[in-house]
N, C-alpha and C. Protein backbone atom coordinates (compact mmCIF):
# COMPACT_ATOMS: atom_id res chain seq x y z
N MET A 1 0.84 -1.10 -0.05
CA MET A 1 -0.17 -0.04 0.18
C MET A 1 0.90 1.47 -0.02
N ARG A 2 0.78 1.83 -0.83
CA ARG A 2 1.42 2.94 -0.71
C ARG A 2 1.40 4.45 0.04
N TYR A 3 0.60 4.65 1.23
CA TYR A 3 0.56 4.92 2.57
C TYR A 3 1.11 4.52 3.43
N LEU A 4 1.62 3.24 3.42
CA LEU A 4 2.05 2.58 4.62
C LEU A 4 3.11 3.09 5.37
N PHE A 5 3.86 4.15 4.84
CA PHE A 5 4.65 4.92 5.25
C PHE A 5 3.88 5.94 6.61
N LEU A 6 2.75 6.44 6.33
CA LEU A 6 2.35 7.19 7.01
C LEU A 6 1.77 6.73 8.09
N VAL A 7 1.91 4.98 7.85
CA VAL A 7 1.29 4.61 9.18
C VAL A 7 2.19 4.38 10.19
N ASP A 8 3.15 3.37 9.60
CA ASP A 8 4.40 2.83 10.05
C ASP A 8 5.27 4.42 10.81
N THR A 9 5.03 5.43 10.32
CA THR A 9 5.39 6.52 11.01
C THR A 9 5.02 6.99 12.26
N TYR A 10 3.57 7.10 12.05
CA TYR A 10 2.48 7.26 13.15
C TYR A 10 2.98 6.29 14.31
N ALA A 11 3.05 4.98 13.46
CA ALA A 11 3.16 3.92 15.15
C ALA A 11 4.42 4.07 15.71
N THR A 12 5.77 4.72 15.05
CA THR A 12 6.76 5.00 16.13
C THR A 12 6.71 6.75 16.58
N GLU A 13 5.92 7.36 16.28
CA GLU A 13 6.27 8.95 16.56
C GLU A 13 4.63 8.59 18.10
N ARG A 14 3.85 7.60 18.15
CA ARG A 14 3.15 7.43 19.16
C ARG A 14 4.45 7.33 20.35
N VAL A 15 5.36 6.02 19.87
CA VAL A 15 6.42 5.45 21.03
C VAL A 15 7.34 6.87 21.01
N LYS A 16 7.66 7.89 20.64
CA LYS A 16 8.43 8.86 20.89
C LYS A 16 7.69 9.98 21.46
N LEU A 17 6.55 9.98 21.47
CA LEU A 17 6.00 11.22 22.28
C LEU A 17 5.73 10.81 23.84
N VAL A 18 5.31 9.52 23.80
CA VAL A 18 5.37 8.91 25.51
C VAL A 18 6.63 8.80 25.76
N SER A 19 7.51 8.29 25.43
CA SER A 19 8.73 7.98 25.71
C SER A 19 9.37 9.84 26.16
N VAL A 20 9.15 10.76 25.62
CA VAL A 20 9.60 12.14 25.95
C VAL A 20 8.57 12.54 27.50
N TRP A 21 7.32 12.02 27.42
CA TRP A 21 6.31 12.04 28.61
C TRP A 21 6.94 11.58 29.97
N SER A 22 7.60 10.32 29.14
CA SER A 22 8.51 9.34 30.53
C SER A 22 9.57 10.44 31.32
N GLU A 23 9.90 11.31 30.58
CA GLU A 23 11.21 11.75 31.03
C GLU A 23 10.91 12.59 32.08
N PHE A 24 9.80 13.45 32.06
CA PHE A 24 9.14 14.12 33.17
C PHE A 24 9.19 13.23 34.31
N ARG A 25 8.48 14.33 35.24
CA ARG A 25 8.14 13.86 37.01
C ARG A 25 6.69 14.77 36.91
N ASP A 26 6.05 13.67 38.16
CA ASP A 26 4.78 14.99 38.14
C ASP A 26 4.86 15.96 38.32
N ARG A 27 5.95 16.55 39.42
CA ARG A 27 6.47 17.44 40.15
C ARG A 27 6.81 18.81 38.53
N ASP A 28 6.75 18.31 37.63
CA ASP A 28 7.04 19.28 36.63
C ASP A 28 6.01 20.06 36.25
N LEU A 29 4.74 19.03 35.70
CA LEU A 29 3.98 19.34 35.26
C LEU A 29 3.27 20.82 35.28
N ALA A 30 3.58 21.71 36.34
CA ALA A 30 3.30 22.93 36.15
C ALA A 30 3.90 23.85 35.45
N LEU A 31 5.13 23.71 35.19
CA LEU A 31 6.79 24.01 34.73
C LEU A 31 6.24 24.82 33.68
N ARG A 32 6.64 25.50 33.33
CA ARG A 32 6.72 26.35 31.67
C ARG A 32 7.86 26.87 31.65
N THR A 33 8.19 27.39 30.34
CA THR A 33 9.77 27.91 30.41
C THR A 33 10.10 29.36 31.00
N LYS A 34 9.33 29.81 30.69
CA LYS A 34 9.30 30.91 31.55
C LYS A 34 8.19 31.02 33.06
N GLN A 35 8.62 31.11 33.90
CA GLN A 35 6.95 30.80 34.98
C GLN A 35 6.03 31.95 34.73
N ASP A 36 6.37 33.17 34.67
CA ASP A 36 5.35 34.31 34.81
C ASP A 36 5.02 34.76 33.13
N ASP A 37 4.76 33.84 32.38
CA ASP A 37 4.97 34.17 30.54
C ASP A 37 3.72 32.88 30.51
N PRO A 38 2.57 33.03 30.41
CA PRO A 38 1.06 32.13 30.07
C PRO A 38 1.57 31.63 28.49
N ARG A 39 2.46 32.65 27.90
CA ARG A 39 2.43 31.87 26.51
C ARG A 39 3.25 30.84 25.88
N GLY A 40 4.08 30.54 26.65
CA GLY A 40 4.50 29.33 26.53
C GLY A 40 3.87 27.87 27.23
N ARG A 41 3.27 26.74 26.69
CA ARG A 41 2.57 25.92 27.60
C ARG A 41 3.50 25.23 29.07
N SER A 42 2.80 25.34 29.90
CA SER A 42 3.15 24.28 30.67
C SER A 42 3.11 22.72 30.41
N VAL A 43 4.22 21.78 30.90
CA VAL A 43 4.27 20.74 30.79
C VAL A 43 2.74 19.70 30.30
N HIS A 44 2.19 19.91 31.68
CA HIS A 44 1.05 19.77 32.05
C HIS A 44 -0.34 20.40 30.55
N GLU A 45 -0.13 21.35 30.09
CA GLU A 45 -0.54 22.01 29.23
C GLU A 45 -0.57 21.44 27.59
N GLN A 46 0.97 21.37 27.48
CA GLN A 46 1.37 20.47 26.72
C GLN A 46 0.53 18.94 26.35
N MET A 47 0.51 18.52 27.52
CA MET A 47 -0.13 17.06 27.54
C MET A 47 -1.60 17.33 26.66
N VAL A 48 -2.12 17.95 27.90
CA VAL A 48 -3.81 18.18 27.35
C VAL A 48 -3.93 18.60 25.78
N HIS A 49 -2.85 19.66 25.31
CA HIS A 49 -2.85 20.05 23.95
C HIS A 49 -2.83 18.85 22.98
N GLN A 50 -2.11 17.53 23.54
CA GLN A 50 -1.62 16.98 22.39
C GLN A 50 -3.05 15.88 22.77
N CYS A 51 -3.11 15.24 23.41
CA CYS A 51 -4.39 14.77 23.65
C CYS A 51 -5.88 15.16 22.97
N VAL A 52 -6.23 16.23 23.21
CA VAL A 52 -7.03 17.11 22.88
C VAL A 52 -7.19 17.12 21.17
N GLY A 53 -6.08 18.06 21.27
CA GLY A 53 -5.84 18.52 19.51
C GLY A 53 -5.97 17.16 18.57
N GLU A 54 -5.27 16.04 19.39
CA GLU A 54 -5.05 14.68 18.43
C GLU A 54 -6.74 14.14 18.05
N ASP A 55 -6.98 14.18 18.91
CA ASP A 55 -8.59 13.68 18.86
C ASP A 55 -9.42 14.60 18.22
N LEU A 56 -9.08 16.02 18.29
CA LEU A 56 -9.50 16.58 16.83
C LEU A 56 -9.32 16.61 15.79
N TRP A 57 -8.55 16.75 15.29
CA TRP A 57 -7.93 16.37 14.20
C TRP A 57 -8.45 14.99 13.52
N PHE A 58 -8.37 13.99 14.32
CA PHE A 58 -8.71 12.63 13.96
C PHE A 58 -10.19 12.38 13.36
N ARG A 59 -11.41 13.09 14.55
CA ARG A 59 -12.25 12.79 14.25
C ARG A 59 -12.74 13.62 13.21
N ASN A 60 -12.34 15.27 13.03
CA ASN A 60 -13.17 16.26 12.31
C ASN A 60 -12.42 15.92 11.44
N MET A 61 -11.19 15.72 10.87
CA MET A 61 -10.24 15.60 9.52
C MET A 61 -10.52 14.64 8.81
N LEU A 62 -10.07 13.67 9.67
CA LEU A 62 -9.99 12.26 9.20
C LEU A 62 -10.86 11.23 9.37
N GLY A 63 -12.08 11.66 10.49
CA GLY A 63 -13.33 10.56 10.53
C GLY A 63 -12.94 9.32 11.13
N ILE A 64 -11.46 9.60 11.94
CA ILE A 64 -11.53 8.40 12.89
C ILE A 64 -11.90 9.05 14.32
N ASP A 65 -12.96 8.01 14.99
CA ASP A 65 -13.31 8.52 16.25
C ASP A 65 -12.91 7.08 17.13
N VAL A 66 -12.37 7.21 18.47
CA VAL A 66 -12.07 5.96 18.95
C VAL A 66 -13.09 6.04 20.26
N SER A 67 -14.05 7.06 20.35
CA SER A 67 -14.68 6.47 20.82
C SER A 67 -14.46 6.59 22.90
N ALA A 68 -13.50 7.70 22.79
CA ALA A 68 -12.85 7.79 24.24
C ALA A 68 -12.95 9.07 24.72
N PRO A 69 -12.71 9.43 26.36
CA PRO A 69 -12.34 10.77 26.39
C PRO A 69 -11.35 11.23 26.25
N PRO A 70 -10.72 12.42 25.76
CA PRO A 70 -9.20 12.53 25.69
C PRO A 70 -8.81 12.79 26.74
N LEU A 71 -8.83 13.05 27.11
CA LEU A 71 -8.08 13.31 28.72
C LEU A 71 -8.65 12.11 29.65
N PRO A 72 -7.87 12.07 30.35
CA PRO A 72 -7.51 10.88 31.88
C PRO A 72 -8.71 11.54 32.43
N ARG A 73 -9.41 10.59 33.46
CA ARG A 73 -9.80 11.48 34.55
C ARG A 73 -8.95 11.73 35.47
N GLU A 74 -7.75 11.15 35.48
CA GLU A 74 -6.35 11.63 37.05
C GLU A 74 -5.35 12.42 36.08
N GLU A 75 -4.97 13.49 36.17
CA GLU A 75 -4.33 14.42 34.81
C GLU A 75 -3.08 14.44 35.79
N THR A 76 -2.32 12.91 35.72
CA THR A 76 -0.98 12.99 36.00
C THR A 76 -0.05 12.60 35.27
N ARG A 77 0.93 12.27 35.33
CA ARG A 77 1.92 11.72 34.21
C ARG A 77 1.91 10.92 33.57
N LEU A 78 1.48 9.40 34.44
CA LEU A 78 1.35 8.20 33.76
C LEU A 78 -0.17 8.06 33.32
N GLU A 79 -0.98 8.97 33.98
CA GLU A 79 -2.60 8.64 33.26
C GLU A 79 -2.64 9.38 31.75
N PHE A 80 -1.82 10.53 31.62
CA PHE A 80 -1.55 11.31 30.37
C PHE A 80 -0.95 10.01 29.50
N ILE A 81 0.11 9.22 29.72
CA ILE A 81 0.68 8.22 28.58
C ILE A 81 -0.39 7.53 28.91
N ARG A 82 -1.12 6.99 29.67
CA ARG A 82 -1.85 5.59 29.59
C ARG A 82 -3.12 5.77 28.54
N ARG A 83 -3.55 7.04 28.62
CA ARG A 83 -4.90 7.57 28.20
C ARG A 83 -4.17 7.91 26.48
N TYR A 84 -3.28 8.26 26.18
CA TYR A 84 -2.72 8.54 24.91
C TYR A 84 -2.45 7.20 24.27
N SER A 85 -1.53 6.23 25.14
CA SER A 85 -1.21 5.25 24.21
C SER A 85 -2.08 4.38 23.88
N GLU A 86 -3.54 4.43 24.78
CA GLU A 86 -4.38 3.45 24.50
C GLU A 86 -5.65 4.12 23.10
N ASP A 87 -5.45 5.45 23.36
CA ASP A 87 -6.34 6.32 22.01
C ASP A 87 -5.48 5.95 20.68
N SER A 88 -4.44 6.73 21.18
CA SER A 88 -3.60 6.62 19.76
C SER A 88 -3.45 4.90 18.98
N GLY A 89 -3.24 4.18 19.92
CA GLY A 89 -3.16 2.66 19.49
C GLY A 89 -4.62 2.11 18.49
N LYS A 90 -5.54 2.42 19.17
CA LYS A 90 -7.07 2.49 18.54
C LYS A 90 -7.15 3.32 16.95
N ARG A 91 -6.12 4.03 17.22
CA ARG A 91 -6.05 5.52 16.03
C ARG A 91 -5.14 4.48 15.10
N LEU A 92 -4.02 4.02 15.35
CA LEU A 92 -3.43 3.16 14.17
C LEU A 92 -3.72 2.18 13.93
N ALA A 93 -4.75 1.15 14.34
CA ALA A 93 -5.48 0.51 14.08
C ALA A 93 -6.19 0.47 13.24
N ALA A 94 -7.27 1.75 12.93
CA ALA A 94 -7.60 2.18 12.08
C ALA A 94 -7.51 2.62 10.91
N LEU A 95 -5.89 3.45 11.10
CA LEU A 95 -5.26 3.73 9.92
C LEU A 95 -4.78 2.36 9.06
N GLN A 96 -4.47 1.27 9.57
CA GLN A 96 -3.83 0.08 9.08
C GLN A 96 -5.22 -0.47 8.63
N SER A 97 -6.37 -0.27 8.69
CA SER A 97 -7.34 -0.54 7.61
C SER A 97 -7.60 0.18 6.38
N LYS A 98 -7.17 1.16 6.38
CA LYS A 98 -7.54 2.28 5.47
C LYS A 98 -6.76 1.62 4.02
N ASP A 99 -7.50 1.91 2.39
CA ASP A 99 -6.90 1.62 1.27
C ASP A 99 -6.63 2.90 0.75
N GLU A 100 -5.92 2.78 -0.55
CA GLU A 100 -5.54 4.17 -0.83
C GLU A 100 -6.45 4.88 -1.32
N SER A 101 -7.64 4.32 -1.93
CA SER A 101 -8.72 5.78 -1.98
C SER A 101 -8.87 6.35 -1.21
N TRP A 102 -9.29 6.12 0.43
CA TRP A 102 -9.24 6.52 1.62
C TRP A 102 -7.92 7.84 1.76
N TRP A 103 -6.88 7.35 2.02
CA TRP A 103 -5.76 8.27 1.72
C TRP A 103 -5.68 9.71 1.01
N GLU A 104 -6.14 9.25 -0.46
CA GLU A 104 -6.28 10.08 -1.51
C GLU A 104 -7.92 11.04 -1.83
N GLY A 105 -8.47 10.31 -0.68
CA GLY A 105 -9.69 11.50 -0.56
C GLY A 105 -9.55 12.50 -0.17
N ASP A 106 -10.54 13.50 -0.20
CA ASP A 106 -10.50 14.88 0.13
C ASP A 106 -11.08 14.85 1.78
N THR A 107 -10.43 15.77 2.69
CA THR A 107 -11.22 16.08 3.43
C THR A 107 -10.84 17.92 3.71
N THR A 108 -11.23 18.62 4.96
CA THR A 108 -11.04 19.89 4.96
C THR A 108 -9.80 20.23 6.17
N PHE A 109 -8.97 20.64 5.46
CA PHE A 109 -8.13 20.90 6.92
C PHE A 109 -8.39 22.51 6.84
N PHE A 110 -8.93 22.34 8.99
CA PHE A 110 -9.73 24.03 8.82
C PHE A 110 -10.88 24.32 8.19
N ASN A 111 -10.15 25.51 7.08
CA ASN A 111 -10.52 26.02 5.68
C ASN A 111 -10.63 25.45 4.72
N VAL A 112 -9.73 24.60 4.28
CA VAL A 112 -8.61 24.37 3.27
C VAL A 112 -9.06 22.93 2.63
N GLY A 113 -9.00 22.56 1.98
CA GLY A 113 -9.32 21.02 1.23
C GLY A 113 -7.69 20.50 0.96
N ARG A 114 -7.97 19.43 1.39
CA ARG A 114 -6.83 18.50 1.38
C ARG A 114 -6.90 17.05 1.32
N SER A 115 -5.94 16.23 0.82
CA SER A 115 -6.11 15.16 1.29
C SER A 115 -5.95 14.35 2.34
N ARG A 116 -6.39 13.61 2.92
CA ARG A 116 -6.04 12.71 4.18
C ARG A 116 -4.46 12.46 4.34
N ALA A 117 -4.18 12.01 3.16
CA ALA A 117 -2.14 12.30 3.32
C ALA A 117 -2.08 13.19 3.70
N TRP A 118 -2.15 13.95 2.93
CA TRP A 118 -1.43 15.94 3.72
C TRP A 118 -1.83 15.68 4.70
N VAL A 119 -2.88 15.68 5.44
CA VAL A 119 -3.61 16.04 6.88
C VAL A 119 -2.99 14.91 7.67
N MET A 120 -2.53 13.52 7.60
CA MET A 120 -1.97 13.23 8.52
C MET A 120 0.12 13.81 8.24
N THR A 121 0.36 13.80 7.53
CA THR A 121 1.63 14.28 7.35
C THR A 121 1.43 15.53 8.31
N ARG A 122 0.53 16.27 8.15
CA ARG A 122 0.79 17.81 8.90
C ARG A 122 0.64 17.35 10.39
N ARG A 123 -0.33 16.37 10.74
CA ARG A 123 -0.76 16.05 11.99
C ARG A 123 1.23 15.27 12.71
N ILE A 124 1.53 14.46 12.27
CA ILE A 124 2.94 13.85 12.36
C ILE A 124 4.03 15.26 13.05
N ALA A 125 3.94 16.06 11.72
CA ALA A 125 4.90 17.04 11.66
C ALA A 125 4.50 18.10 13.31
N HIS A 126 2.97 18.25 13.17
CA HIS A 126 2.74 18.99 14.40
C HIS A 126 2.94 18.56 15.61
N THR A 127 2.87 16.78 15.81
CA THR A 127 3.13 16.44 16.93
C THR A 127 4.67 16.33 17.33
N SER A 128 5.49 16.13 16.08
CA SER A 128 6.92 16.30 16.43
C SER A 128 7.17 17.86 16.76
N HIS A 129 6.50 19.19 16.63
CA HIS A 129 6.98 20.14 17.03
C HIS A 129 7.15 20.35 18.56
N HIS A 130 5.82 20.07 19.30
CA HIS A 130 5.52 19.78 20.58
C HIS A 130 6.28 18.73 21.46
N ARG A 131 7.21 17.75 20.17
CA ARG A 131 7.97 17.00 21.39
C ARG A 131 9.11 17.84 21.34
N GLY A 132 9.46 18.00 20.16
CA GLY A 132 11.03 18.76 20.13
C GLY A 132 10.90 19.99 21.40
N GLN A 133 10.04 20.46 21.35
CA GLN A 133 9.24 21.96 22.91
C GLN A 133 9.90 21.25 24.13
N LEU A 134 8.83 20.15 23.89
CA LEU A 134 9.23 19.16 25.34
C LEU A 134 10.48 18.95 25.95
N MET A 135 11.30 18.21 25.20
CA MET A 135 12.78 18.11 24.78
C MET A 135 13.44 19.40 25.22
N ALA A 136 13.55 20.36 24.46
CA ALA A 136 13.87 21.71 25.35
C ALA A 136 13.75 21.78 26.80
N MET A 137 12.56 21.91 27.29
CA MET A 137 12.23 21.68 28.12
C MET A 137 13.31 21.31 29.47
N LEU A 138 13.15 19.40 28.82
CA LEU A 138 14.06 18.64 29.64
C LEU A 138 15.28 18.87 30.09
N ARG A 139 15.59 19.66 28.56
CA ARG A 139 17.03 20.26 28.90
C ARG A 139 17.60 21.45 29.74
N MET A 140 16.56 22.17 29.99
CA MET A 140 16.40 23.18 30.37
C MET A 140 16.36 22.85 31.92
N LEU A 141 15.86 21.64 32.48
CA LEU A 141 15.54 21.20 33.70
C LEU A 141 16.64 20.31 33.71
N GLY A 142 17.64 20.49 33.00
CA GLY A 142 18.84 19.94 33.23
C GLY A 142 18.93 17.57 33.24
N ARG A 143 17.98 17.38 32.48
CA ARG A 143 17.61 15.84 32.43
C ARG A 143 18.69 15.57 31.36
N ASP A 144 18.58 14.26 31.34
CA ASP A 144 19.24 13.39 30.65
C ASP A 144 18.16 12.95 29.33
N LEU A 145 18.89 12.81 28.16
CA LEU A 145 17.61 12.30 27.45
C LEU A 145 18.04 11.04 26.52
N HIS A 146 17.43 10.26 26.43
CA HIS A 146 17.38 9.12 25.77
C HIS A 146 16.92 9.45 24.03
N SER A 147 17.67 8.31 23.27
CA SER A 147 17.08 9.02 21.86
C SER A 147 15.47 8.90 21.57
N ASN A 148 15.58 9.56 20.56
CA ASN A 148 14.19 10.03 20.04
C ASN A 148 14.33 9.56 18.84
N TYR A 149 15.19 9.80 18.10
CA TYR A 149 15.61 9.59 16.58
C TYR A 149 17.07 8.96 16.77
N GLY A 150 17.92 9.24 17.37
CA GLY A 150 19.25 8.78 16.97
C GLY A 150 20.22 8.90 18.12
N PRO A 151 21.43 9.18 17.89
CA PRO A 151 22.19 9.68 19.75
C PRO A 151 21.76 11.04 20.04
N THR A 152 21.61 11.08 21.14
CA THR A 152 21.68 12.19 21.74
C THR A 152 22.77 12.67 22.91
N ALA A 153 23.42 13.24 23.19
CA ALA A 153 24.55 13.60 23.87
C ALA A 153 24.52 13.16 24.84
N ASP A 154 23.65 12.27 25.53
CA ASP A 154 23.39 11.33 26.84
C ASP A 154 23.71 10.02 26.32
N THR A 155 23.78 9.67 25.05
CA THR A 155 23.73 8.53 24.71
C THR A 155 25.57 8.18 23.40
N GLY A 156 26.23 9.24 24.00
CA GLY A 156 27.88 9.08 23.56
C GLY A 156 28.10 10.26 22.68
N GLY A 157 26.73 11.26 22.21
CA GLY A 157 27.46 12.56 21.14
C GLY A 157 26.70 12.28 19.95
N LEU A 158 27.81 12.52 19.04
CA LEU A 158 27.54 12.22 17.90
C LEU A 158 27.73 11.38 17.02
N MET A 159 26.73 11.29 15.71
CA MET A 159 26.43 9.84 15.08
C MET A 159 28.01 9.66 14.27
N GLN A 160 28.50 10.43 14.12
CA GLN A 160 29.77 10.65 13.01
C GLN A 160 30.63 10.33 14.30
N ASN A 161 30.50 10.22 15.85
CA ASN A 161 31.78 9.66 16.27
C ASN A 161 31.16 7.88 17.08
N HIS A 162 30.26 7.88 16.50
CA HIS A 162 29.46 6.12 16.53
C HIS A 162 28.64 6.00 17.84
N ALA A 163 28.27 7.28 18.15
CA ALA A 163 27.60 7.09 19.52
C ALA A 163 26.35 6.30 19.33
N PRO A 164 25.94 5.27 19.83
CA PRO A 164 24.65 4.67 19.99
C PRO A 164 23.24 5.28 19.76
N THR A 165 22.43 4.67 19.51
CA THR A 165 21.07 4.79 19.78
C THR A 165 20.48 3.97 20.89
N ILE A 166 19.93 4.60 22.08
CA ILE A 166 19.57 3.77 22.95
C ILE A 166 18.23 4.55 23.51
N TYR A 167 16.86 3.77 23.49
CA TYR A 167 15.68 3.71 23.59
C TYR A 167 15.77 3.99 24.96
N ALA A 168 14.60 4.59 25.93
CA ALA A 168 14.54 4.34 26.97
C ALA A 168 13.82 2.79 27.39
N TYR A 169 12.92 2.66 26.51
CA TYR A 169 11.84 1.46 26.38
C TYR A 169 11.68 1.13 24.67
N ASP A 170 11.73 0.02 24.51
CA ASP A 170 11.82 -0.69 23.28
C ASP A 170 9.96 -0.30 22.63
N THR A 171 9.17 -0.70 23.71
CA THR A 171 8.03 -0.54 23.23
C THR A 171 7.04 -0.03 24.28
N ILE A 172 5.70 0.92 23.52
CA ILE A 172 4.83 1.55 24.83
C ILE A 172 4.59 0.36 25.79
N GLU A 173 4.18 -0.97 25.40
CA GLU A 173 3.84 -1.77 26.98
C GLU A 173 5.26 -1.85 27.68
N ALA A 174 6.11 -1.92 27.28
CA ALA A 174 7.35 -1.96 28.43
C ALA A 174 7.32 -0.59 28.99
N LEU A 175 6.89 0.67 28.30
CA LEU A 175 7.06 1.92 28.93
C LEU A 175 6.22 1.96 30.17
N LEU A 176 5.04 1.55 29.63
CA LEU A 176 3.85 1.61 30.28
C LEU A 176 4.20 0.60 31.90
N GLU A 177 4.71 -0.33 31.48
CA GLU A 177 4.97 -1.55 32.87
C GLU A 177 5.66 -1.00 33.60
N GLY A 178 6.90 -0.28 32.72
CA GLY A 178 8.16 0.34 33.75
C GLY A 178 7.92 1.36 34.59
N GLU A 179 7.19 2.54 33.68
CA GLU A 179 6.85 3.56 34.73
C GLU A 179 5.68 3.41 35.67
N ALA A 180 4.93 2.57 35.37
CA ALA A 180 4.44 1.89 36.47
C ALA A 180 5.25 1.51 37.45
N ALA A 181 6.11 0.78 37.67
CA ALA A 181 6.58 0.19 38.84
C ALA A 181 8.15 1.07 39.10
N GLY A 182 7.79 2.72 38.68
CA GLY A 182 8.62 3.84 39.16
C GLY A 182 9.87 3.68 38.28
N GLY A 183 9.86 3.60 37.09
CA GLY A 183 10.91 3.67 36.16
C GLY A 183 11.86 2.48 35.83
N ALA A 184 12.00 2.27 34.50
CA ALA A 184 13.30 1.27 34.34
C ALA A 184 13.83 1.51 32.93
N LYS A 185 13.96 2.59 32.71
CA LYS A 185 14.48 3.06 31.74
C LYS A 185 16.03 2.68 31.66
N ARG A 186 16.52 2.31 30.40
CA ARG A 186 17.70 1.82 29.71
C ARG A 186 19.02 2.73 30.60
N PRO A 187 19.61 2.46 31.21
CA PRO A 187 21.10 3.73 31.91
C PRO A 187 22.01 4.16 30.33
N LEU A 188 21.82 5.45 30.90
CA LEU A 188 22.67 6.17 29.83
C LEU A 188 24.18 6.12 29.86
N PRO A 189 24.88 6.06 29.10
CA PRO A 189 26.35 6.09 29.34
C PRO A 189 27.10 7.90 29.28
N GLY A 190 26.24 8.46 28.68
CA GLY A 190 26.81 10.03 28.82
C GLY A 190 27.57 10.66 27.28
N THR A 191 28.66 11.21 27.33
CA THR A 191 29.16 11.28 26.40
C THR A 191 30.09 10.83 26.50
N GLY A 192 30.95 10.59 27.10
CA GLY A 192 32.28 9.66 27.62
C GLY A 192 33.09 10.71 26.71
N GLY A 193 33.35 11.85 26.84
CA GLY A 193 34.31 13.05 26.81
C GLY A 193 34.25 13.24 25.32
N LYS A 194 33.30 13.13 24.60
CA LYS A 194 33.21 13.36 23.48
C LYS A 194 32.17 14.39 22.91
N PRO A 195 32.84 15.46 21.86
CA PRO A 195 32.24 16.38 21.60
C PRO A 195 30.19 16.09 21.18
N VAL A 196 29.84 17.12 21.68
CA VAL A 196 28.25 17.15 20.94
C VAL A 196 28.09 17.52 20.52
N THR A 197 29.07 18.70 19.74
CA THR A 197 28.37 19.71 18.68
C THR A 197 29.10 19.50 17.39
N GLU A 198 28.85 19.97 16.13
CA GLU A 198 29.93 19.41 15.02
C GLU A 198 30.85 20.90 14.72
N ARG A 199 30.36 21.69 15.93
CA ARG A 199 31.71 22.71 16.01
C ARG A 199 32.00 23.04 17.56
N PRO A 200 33.01 22.37 17.97
CA PRO A 200 33.01 21.75 19.29
C PRO A 200 34.25 23.69 19.77
């Protein structure tokens, strides 16, 4: 199927998102990049935005309704992870059943006509944008970062220095189990003294 790459990308993007959420702690949820500036969303507001926004996009633009409230009853870090994991898993299953004519069919992106494939590409990019904002916040908090696409400073530095890719967890199921038990992420080696920029 021509659009399988979008399904596969969404499958990995949902893992990447909850992996970043798992790097926060409950006490971090109220934090924002500048505490007295409400224009920048807090960690909690980012999680709400992701859950509500993705639910709206899928229902209104792609016609996929998971028949569940987009927000968890208890708005803790782990409950956001559980809620998003369950709902995005149902969305993934729905996407896997779609044929090429569905992907190429027209829908409305806000007030503009677009194909469903175009809308899905934008949805993935939108999620990636917000995930990047949260990763920057983790760095501002002085936290270590596992891989999200490839090596990080905490997995050994740059790709050209053969730093490894180290994911916190292999699957969403392992993440849910590990975080429910207090955290079981893979250990990180750090930079090993290697540069983490192409222009040290």
